[in-house]
Amino acid sequence: VFVALWAMPWILSRALSLLPQSISNRFFAGGEPHLPSGRTALIAGCGYGAGFLILGSVLKIHALIFFDTAEGGLLEFSCLFAVAWVAGLLTPGAPGGMGVREALMYLLFAPVVGDAVSAGLALTLRIATVAGDVLGFFCGNLLSRTSEK
């Protein structure tokens, strides 16, 4: 799967170049695509993979420190969190209150770490992400004010 995804830009570029010019112009804006080198694509893919594992390890450490549970592996935490995050991202018009990501985290992590820890992870992660958003807003606001002077 990794090799297929890594090669996808070149495969899609070749497939789109076989289309009639009027259709391929829509994808490439009348020019040729500028594809990354194989090395660049591999480095970027490894960076995304590392980020995936870092997010899982942060959640695993979070469960260990705050809830004193060591159940579940790093890859399991990473994959379950990724599924919950993508579902939360793709759900349009999700109502307020407990978000889609948190509800799925509760459902997916409950068999791994138990109901109480799963609910705690979902709740504390929501608090941490909101706090991070607020901190980012204030930092951005401060930076924009200092750059205006």
N, C-alpha and C. Protein backbone atom coordinates (compact mmCIF):
# COMPACT_ATOMS: atom_id res chain seq x y z
N VAL A 1 0.84 -1.18 0.00
CA VAL A 1 0.00 0.00 0.00
C VAL A 1 0.88 1.25 0.00
N PHE A 2 1.95 1.21 0.82
CA PHE A 2 2.84 2.36 0.88
C PHE A 2 3.44 2.67 -0.49
N VAL A 3 3.91 1.66 -1.20
CA VAL A 3 4.52 1.87 -2.51
C VAL A 3 3.49 2.41 -3.50
N ALA A 4 2.26 1.87 -3.46
CA ALA A 4 1.21 2.34 -4.36
C ALA A 4 0.88 3.80 -4.08
N LEU A 5 0.77 4.18 -2.82
CA LEU A 5 0.47 5.57 -2.48
C LEU A 5 1.63 6.48 -2.83
N TRP A 6 2.84 5.99 -2.65
CA TRP A 6 4.03 6.78 -2.97
C TRP A 6 4.08 7.06 -4.47
N ALA A 7 3.70 6.10 -5.29
CA ALA A 7 3.75 6.24 -6.75
C ALA A 7 2.52 6.93 -7.33
N MET A 8 1.51 7.21 -6.53
CA MET A 8 0.25 7.75 -7.01
C MET A 8 0.38 9.04 -7.81
N PRO A 9 1.21 10.01 -7.44
CA PRO A 9 1.30 11.23 -8.26
C PRO A 9 1.72 10.95 -9.70
N TRP A 10 2.65 10.04 -9.89
CA TRP A 10 3.12 9.73 -11.23
C TRP A 10 2.07 8.93 -12.00
N ILE A 11 1.37 8.03 -11.30
CA ILE A 11 0.32 7.24 -11.95
C ILE A 11 -0.82 8.15 -12.40
N LEU A 12 -1.28 9.03 -11.51
CA LEU A 12 -2.37 9.94 -11.85
C LEU A 12 -1.95 10.93 -12.94
N SER A 13 -0.73 11.40 -12.89
CA SER A 13 -0.24 12.31 -13.91
C SER A 13 -0.27 11.64 -15.27
N ARG A 14 0.19 10.40 -15.33
CA ARG A 14 0.20 9.66 -16.60
C ARG A 14 -1.23 9.41 -17.09
N ALA A 15 -2.12 9.05 -16.17
CA ALA A 15 -3.51 8.79 -16.55
C ALA A 15 -4.19 10.06 -17.05
N LEU A 16 -3.96 11.18 -16.37
CA LEU A 16 -4.58 12.43 -16.79
C LEU A 16 -4.01 12.94 -18.10
N SER A 17 -2.77 12.64 -18.39
CA SER A 17 -2.18 13.08 -19.65
C SER A 17 -2.77 12.33 -20.84
N LEU A 18 -3.39 11.18 -20.60
CA LEU A 18 -4.03 10.42 -21.68
C LEU A 18 -5.43 10.95 -22.01
N LEU A 19 -5.96 11.81 -21.16
CA LEU A 19 -7.29 12.39 -21.40
C LEU A 19 -7.22 13.44 -22.50
N PRO A 20 -8.34 13.77 -23.10
CA PRO A 20 -8.34 14.86 -24.08
C PRO A 20 -7.84 16.16 -23.47
N GLN A 21 -7.25 17.02 -24.29
CA GLN A 21 -6.61 18.25 -23.81
C GLN A 21 -7.58 19.14 -23.04
N SER A 22 -8.83 19.21 -23.47
CA SER A 22 -9.78 20.09 -22.79
C SER A 22 -10.05 19.63 -21.35
N ILE A 23 -10.01 18.34 -21.09
CA ILE A 23 -10.23 17.83 -19.75
C ILE A 23 -8.97 17.94 -18.90
N SER A 24 -7.81 17.61 -19.47
CA SER A 24 -6.58 17.67 -18.69
C SER A 24 -6.21 19.11 -18.34
N ASN A 25 -6.65 20.09 -19.15
CA ASN A 25 -6.40 21.50 -18.82
C ASN A 25 -7.08 21.89 -17.52
N ARG A 26 -8.19 21.26 -17.21
CA ARG A 26 -8.88 21.56 -15.96
C ARG A 26 -8.05 21.14 -14.75
N PHE A 27 -7.31 20.05 -14.89
CA PHE A 27 -6.51 19.55 -13.77
C PHE A 27 -5.17 20.27 -13.66
N PHE A 28 -4.57 20.62 -14.79
CA PHE A 28 -3.23 21.18 -14.78
C PHE A 28 -3.21 22.65 -15.16
N ALA A 29 -4.35 23.29 -15.29
CA ALA A 29 -4.47 24.71 -15.63
C ALA A 29 -3.68 25.04 -16.90
N GLY A 30 -3.75 24.15 -17.87
CA GLY A 30 -3.12 24.40 -19.15
C GLY A 30 -1.64 24.12 -19.21
N GLY A 31 -1.02 23.71 -18.14
CA GLY A 31 0.41 23.44 -18.13
C GLY A 31 0.69 21.99 -17.78
N GLU A 32 1.94 21.70 -17.62
CA GLU A 32 2.35 20.36 -17.22
C GLU A 32 2.45 20.30 -15.70
N PRO A 33 2.15 19.15 -15.12
CA PRO A 33 2.27 19.05 -13.66
C PRO A 33 3.74 19.07 -13.23
N HIS A 34 3.99 19.64 -12.08
CA HIS A 34 5.34 19.66 -11.52
C HIS A 34 5.35 18.64 -10.39
N LEU A 35 5.83 17.47 -10.69
CA LEU A 35 5.83 16.38 -9.72
C LEU A 35 7.12 16.39 -8.91
N PRO A 36 7.04 15.96 -7.67
CA PRO A 36 8.25 15.90 -6.85
C PRO A 36 9.15 14.76 -7.32
N SER A 37 10.41 14.87 -6.94
CA SER A 37 11.31 13.76 -7.24
C SER A 37 10.93 12.59 -6.32
N GLY A 38 11.38 11.40 -6.68
CA GLY A 38 11.09 10.23 -5.84
C GLY A 38 11.65 10.39 -4.43
N ARG A 39 12.81 10.98 -4.33
CA ARG A 39 13.44 11.20 -3.02
C ARG A 39 12.61 12.16 -2.18
N THR A 40 12.16 13.26 -2.79
CA THR A 40 11.34 14.24 -2.08
C THR A 40 10.03 13.62 -1.61
N ALA A 41 9.41 12.84 -2.48
CA ALA A 41 8.15 12.19 -2.12
C ALA A 41 8.36 11.20 -0.97
N LEU A 42 9.47 10.49 -0.99
CA LEU A 42 9.77 9.53 0.07
C LEU A 42 10.02 10.24 1.41
N ILE A 43 10.76 11.34 1.37
CA ILE A 43 11.03 12.10 2.59
C ILE A 43 9.73 12.69 3.15
N ALA A 44 8.88 13.24 2.28
CA ALA A 44 7.61 13.79 2.73
C ALA A 44 6.72 12.68 3.32
N GLY A 45 6.70 11.53 2.68
CA GLY A 45 5.92 10.40 3.20
C GLY A 45 6.41 9.94 4.55
N CYS A 46 7.72 9.90 4.72
CA CYS A 46 8.26 9.52 6.03
C CYS A 46 7.91 10.57 7.09
N GLY A 47 7.88 11.83 6.70
CA GLY A 47 7.49 12.88 7.63
C GLY A 47 6.04 12.73 8.07
N TYR A 48 5.17 12.42 7.13
CA TYR A 48 3.77 12.19 7.48
C TYR A 48 3.62 10.96 8.37
N GLY A 49 4.37 9.91 8.07
CA GLY A 49 4.34 8.71 8.89
C GLY A 49 4.83 8.97 10.31
N ALA A 50 5.88 9.78 10.41
CA ALA A 50 6.40 10.13 11.74
C ALA A 50 5.37 10.94 12.51
N GLY A 51 4.71 11.87 11.85
CA GLY A 51 3.67 12.66 12.50
C GLY A 51 2.53 11.79 12.98
N PHE A 52 2.16 10.80 12.18
CA PHE A 52 1.12 9.84 12.54
C PHE A 52 1.49 9.11 13.83
N LEU A 53 2.72 8.63 13.91
CA LEU A 53 3.17 7.91 15.11
C LEU A 53 3.36 8.84 16.31
N ILE A 54 3.76 10.08 16.07
CA ILE A 54 3.91 11.03 17.16
C ILE A 54 2.57 11.33 17.79
N LEU A 55 1.52 11.53 16.98
CA LEU A 55 0.19 11.77 17.54
C LEU A 55 -0.28 10.58 18.37
N GLY A 56 -0.03 9.38 17.87
CA GLY A 56 -0.40 8.19 18.63
C GLY A 56 0.38 8.08 19.93
N SER A 57 1.66 8.42 19.88
CA SER A 57 2.47 8.32 21.10
C SER A 57 2.07 9.38 22.12
N VAL A 58 1.69 10.57 21.66
CA VAL A 58 1.22 11.59 22.59
C VAL A 58 -0.04 11.11 23.29
N LEU A 59 -0.96 10.51 22.56
CA LEU A 59 -2.18 10.00 23.16
C LEU A 59 -1.88 8.83 24.10
N LYS A 60 -0.93 7.98 23.73
CA LYS A 60 -0.53 6.86 24.59
C LYS A 60 0.10 7.37 25.89
N ILE A 61 0.97 8.35 25.79
CA ILE A 61 1.58 8.95 26.98
C ILE A 61 0.52 9.64 27.83
N HIS A 62 -0.40 10.29 27.18
CA HIS A 62 -1.52 10.94 27.87
C HIS A 62 -2.29 9.92 28.71
N ALA A 63 -2.58 8.76 28.12
CA ALA A 63 -3.31 7.71 28.84
C ALA A 63 -2.48 7.16 30.00
N LEU A 64 -1.19 7.04 29.78
CA LEU A 64 -0.32 6.50 30.82
C LEU A 64 -0.17 7.47 32.00
N ILE A 65 0.06 8.74 31.71
CA ILE A 65 0.31 9.71 32.78
C ILE A 65 -0.97 10.08 33.52
N PHE A 66 -2.01 10.41 32.77
CA PHE A 66 -3.23 10.91 33.42
C PHE A 66 -4.16 9.82 33.93
N PHE A 67 -4.13 8.65 33.28
CA PHE A 67 -5.09 7.61 33.65
C PHE A 67 -4.43 6.30 34.07
N ASP A 68 -3.10 6.31 34.16
CA ASP A 68 -2.33 5.18 34.66
C ASP A 68 -2.72 3.85 33.99
N THR A 69 -2.83 3.88 32.67
CA THR A 69 -3.14 2.66 31.94
C THR A 69 -2.09 2.44 30.86
N ALA A 70 -1.64 1.21 30.73
CA ALA A 70 -0.63 0.87 29.75
C ALA A 70 -1.17 -0.03 28.65
N GLU A 71 -2.50 -0.25 28.65
CA GLU A 71 -3.08 -1.12 27.62
C GLU A 71 -2.99 -0.48 26.25
N GLY A 72 -2.93 -1.31 25.23
CA GLY A 72 -2.89 -0.83 23.85
C GLY A 72 -1.49 -0.47 23.42
N GLY A 73 -1.22 -0.73 22.16
CA GLY A 73 0.10 -0.42 21.61
C GLY A 73 0.11 0.91 20.88
N LEU A 74 1.29 1.34 20.52
CA LEU A 74 1.47 2.61 19.83
C LEU A 74 0.74 2.63 18.49
N LEU A 75 0.90 1.60 17.70
CA LEU A 75 0.24 1.55 16.40
C LEU A 75 -1.28 1.51 16.55
N GLU A 76 -1.76 0.80 17.56
CA GLU A 76 -3.19 0.75 17.81
C GLU A 76 -3.74 2.13 18.18
N PHE A 77 -3.06 2.82 19.07
CA PHE A 77 -3.48 4.17 19.44
C PHE A 77 -3.45 5.10 18.24
N SER A 78 -2.39 5.00 17.43
CA SER A 78 -2.25 5.87 16.26
C SER A 78 -3.39 5.64 15.28
N CYS A 79 -3.67 4.38 14.98
CA CYS A 79 -4.71 4.06 14.00
C CYS A 79 -6.10 4.44 14.50
N LEU A 80 -6.41 4.14 15.75
CA LEU A 80 -7.72 4.46 16.29
C LEU A 80 -7.94 5.98 16.34
N PHE A 81 -6.92 6.71 16.75
CA PHE A 81 -7.04 8.17 16.78
C PHE A 81 -7.20 8.73 15.38
N ALA A 82 -6.47 8.17 14.41
CA ALA A 82 -6.57 8.66 13.03
C ALA A 82 -7.98 8.45 12.48
N VAL A 83 -8.58 7.30 12.76
CA VAL A 83 -9.94 7.03 12.30
C VAL A 83 -10.91 8.04 12.92
N ALA A 84 -10.79 8.28 14.22
CA ALA A 84 -11.68 9.23 14.90
C ALA A 84 -11.46 10.65 14.38
N TRP A 85 -10.23 11.02 14.14
CA TRP A 85 -9.91 12.37 13.66
C TRP A 85 -10.48 12.59 12.27
N VAL A 86 -10.27 11.64 11.37
CA VAL A 86 -10.78 11.76 10.00
C VAL A 86 -12.30 11.82 9.99
N ALA A 87 -12.95 10.98 10.79
CA ALA A 87 -14.42 11.01 10.86
C ALA A 87 -14.91 12.36 11.37
N GLY A 88 -14.25 12.91 12.36
CA GLY A 88 -14.62 14.22 12.88
C GLY A 88 -14.40 15.32 11.86
N LEU A 89 -13.35 15.19 11.07
CA LEU A 89 -13.04 16.19 10.05
C LEU A 89 -14.06 16.15 8.92
N LEU A 90 -14.46 14.97 8.51
CA LEU A 90 -15.31 14.81 7.34
C LEU A 90 -16.80 14.93 7.62
N THR A 91 -17.20 14.97 8.89
CA THR A 91 -18.63 15.06 9.21
C THR A 91 -19.08 16.50 9.09
N PRO A 92 -19.93 16.80 8.08
CA PRO A 92 -20.37 18.18 7.90
C PRO A 92 -21.46 18.56 8.91
N GLY A 93 -21.41 19.77 9.38
CA GLY A 93 -22.45 20.30 10.25
C GLY A 93 -22.65 19.55 11.54
N ALA A 94 -21.57 19.04 12.12
CA ALA A 94 -21.70 18.31 13.38
C ALA A 94 -22.23 19.24 14.46
N PRO A 95 -23.17 18.77 15.27
CA PRO A 95 -23.74 19.64 16.30
C PRO A 95 -22.73 19.95 17.40
N GLY A 96 -23.05 20.98 18.18
CA GLY A 96 -22.17 21.36 19.28
C GLY A 96 -22.16 20.30 20.37
N GLY A 97 -21.48 20.59 21.44
CA GLY A 97 -21.37 19.60 22.51
C GLY A 97 -20.24 18.65 22.21
N MET A 98 -20.41 17.41 22.59
CA MET A 98 -19.37 16.42 22.34
C MET A 98 -19.24 16.20 20.85
N GLY A 99 -18.06 16.36 20.33
CA GLY A 99 -17.83 16.28 18.90
C GLY A 99 -17.81 14.85 18.39
N VAL A 100 -17.82 14.73 17.07
CA VAL A 100 -17.79 13.43 16.42
C VAL A 100 -16.49 12.72 16.75
N ARG A 101 -15.38 13.47 16.72
CA ARG A 101 -14.08 12.86 17.03
C ARG A 101 -14.08 12.27 18.43
N GLU A 102 -14.61 13.00 19.40
CA GLU A 102 -14.61 12.53 20.78
C GLU A 102 -15.54 11.33 20.96
N ALA A 103 -16.70 11.36 20.31
CA ALA A 103 -17.63 10.23 20.41
C ALA A 103 -17.00 8.97 19.82
N LEU A 104 -16.34 9.11 18.69
CA LEU A 104 -15.68 7.94 18.09
C LEU A 104 -14.48 7.49 18.92
N MET A 105 -13.76 8.44 19.51
CA MET A 105 -12.66 8.05 20.38
C MET A 105 -13.19 7.21 21.53
N TYR A 106 -14.31 7.64 22.11
CA TYR A 106 -14.89 6.87 23.20
C TYR A 106 -15.25 5.46 22.73
N LEU A 107 -15.91 5.35 21.59
CA LEU A 107 -16.33 4.04 21.08
C LEU A 107 -15.14 3.16 20.69
N LEU A 108 -14.14 3.75 20.05
CA LEU A 108 -13.01 2.95 19.56
C LEU A 108 -12.04 2.55 20.66
N PHE A 109 -11.81 3.44 21.62
CA PHE A 109 -10.84 3.16 22.67
C PHE A 109 -11.41 2.36 23.83
N ALA A 110 -12.74 2.34 24.00
CA ALA A 110 -13.35 1.64 25.13
C ALA A 110 -12.95 0.16 25.19
N PRO A 111 -12.94 -0.59 24.08
CA PRO A 111 -12.51 -1.99 24.18
C PRO A 111 -11.02 -2.15 24.53
N VAL A 112 -10.23 -1.12 24.26
CA VAL A 112 -8.79 -1.20 24.48
C VAL A 112 -8.42 -0.82 25.90
N VAL A 113 -8.94 0.33 26.38
CA VAL A 113 -8.52 0.85 27.67
C VAL A 113 -9.64 0.90 28.70
N GLY A 114 -10.83 0.54 28.33
CA GLY A 114 -11.97 0.59 29.25
C GLY A 114 -12.80 1.84 29.05
N ASP A 115 -14.04 1.78 29.54
CA ASP A 115 -14.97 2.89 29.35
C ASP A 115 -14.52 4.18 30.03
N ALA A 116 -14.11 4.09 31.28
CA ALA A 116 -13.76 5.29 32.03
C ALA A 116 -12.55 6.00 31.43
N VAL A 117 -11.52 5.24 31.11
CA VAL A 117 -10.31 5.83 30.53
C VAL A 117 -10.61 6.39 29.15
N SER A 118 -11.43 5.67 28.38
CA SER A 118 -11.80 6.13 27.04
C SER A 118 -12.54 7.46 27.10
N ALA A 119 -13.49 7.57 28.02
CA ALA A 119 -14.22 8.83 28.19
C ALA A 119 -13.28 9.93 28.66
N GLY A 120 -12.37 9.60 29.57
CA GLY A 120 -11.41 10.58 30.05
C GLY A 120 -10.48 11.07 28.96
N LEU A 121 -10.02 10.16 28.11
CA LEU A 121 -9.15 10.54 26.99
C LEU A 121 -9.87 11.49 26.05
N ALA A 122 -11.12 11.15 25.72
CA ALA A 122 -11.88 11.99 24.80
C ALA A 122 -12.09 13.39 25.39
N LEU A 123 -12.44 13.44 26.66
CA LEU A 123 -12.72 14.73 27.31
C LEU A 123 -11.46 15.57 27.47
N THR A 124 -10.39 14.98 27.97
CA THR A 124 -9.17 15.75 28.18
C THR A 124 -8.52 16.14 26.87
N LEU A 125 -8.66 15.32 25.84
CA LEU A 125 -8.12 15.70 24.54
C LEU A 125 -8.90 16.88 23.97
N ARG A 126 -10.22 16.90 24.18
CA ARG A 126 -11.03 18.04 23.74
C ARG A 126 -10.58 19.31 24.47
N ILE A 127 -10.37 19.21 25.76
CA ILE A 127 -9.93 20.37 26.54
C ILE A 127 -8.56 20.84 26.05
N ALA A 128 -7.66 19.91 25.79
CA ALA A 128 -6.31 20.26 25.32
C ALA A 128 -6.36 20.92 23.95
N THR A 129 -7.19 20.42 23.04
CA THR A 129 -7.25 21.01 21.71
C THR A 129 -7.90 22.39 21.73
N VAL A 130 -8.92 22.57 22.56
CA VAL A 130 -9.54 23.90 22.68
C VAL A 130 -8.53 24.87 23.29
N ALA A 131 -7.81 24.44 24.32
CA ALA A 131 -6.79 25.30 24.92
C ALA A 131 -5.71 25.65 23.90
N GLY A 132 -5.32 24.68 23.07
CA GLY A 132 -4.34 24.95 22.02
C GLY A 132 -4.86 25.94 20.99
N ASP A 133 -6.14 25.83 20.63
CA ASP A 133 -6.74 26.78 19.69
C ASP A 133 -6.76 28.19 20.28
N VAL A 134 -7.12 28.31 21.55
CA VAL A 134 -7.16 29.61 22.21
C VAL A 134 -5.75 30.20 22.28
N LEU A 135 -4.77 29.38 22.67
CA LEU A 135 -3.39 29.85 22.73
C LEU A 135 -2.90 30.29 21.35
N GLY A 136 -3.21 29.50 20.33
CA GLY A 136 -2.83 29.87 18.97
C GLY A 136 -3.46 31.16 18.51
N PHE A 137 -4.74 31.37 18.87
CA PHE A 137 -5.42 32.62 18.53
C PHE A 137 -4.72 33.81 19.17
N PHE A 138 -4.43 33.71 20.46
CA PHE A 138 -3.80 34.84 21.15
C PHE A 138 -2.39 35.09 20.65
N CYS A 139 -1.64 34.03 20.35
CA CYS A 139 -0.29 34.22 19.80
C CYS A 139 -0.35 34.88 18.42
N GLY A 140 -1.28 34.42 17.59
CA GLY A 140 -1.45 35.02 16.27
C GLY A 140 -1.88 36.47 16.36
N ASN A 141 -2.79 36.75 17.28
CA ASN A 141 -3.25 38.12 17.47
C ASN A 141 -2.10 39.01 17.93
N LEU A 142 -1.30 38.51 18.86
CA LEU A 142 -0.14 39.27 19.35
C LEU A 142 0.86 39.51 18.23
N LEU A 143 1.14 38.48 17.44
CA LEU A 143 2.10 38.63 16.34
C LEU A 143 1.59 39.60 15.28
N SER A 144 0.29 39.57 15.01
CA SER A 144 -0.24 40.50 14.00
C SER A 144 -0.16 41.93 14.49
N ARG A 145 -0.34 42.14 15.78
CA ARG A 145 -0.24 43.49 16.33
C ARG A 145 1.19 43.99 16.32
N THR A 146 2.14 43.10 16.60
CA THR A 146 3.56 43.54 16.60
C THR A 146 4.06 43.76 15.19
N SER A 147 3.52 43.06 14.20
CA SER A 147 3.98 43.26 12.83
C SER A 147 3.39 44.51 12.20
N GLU A 148 2.29 45.03 12.77
CA GLU A 148 1.69 46.27 12.26
C GLU A 148 2.49 47.49 12.66
N LYS A 149 3.26 47.39 13.73
CA LYS A 149 4.00 48.56 14.24
C LYS A 149 5.23 48.86 13.46
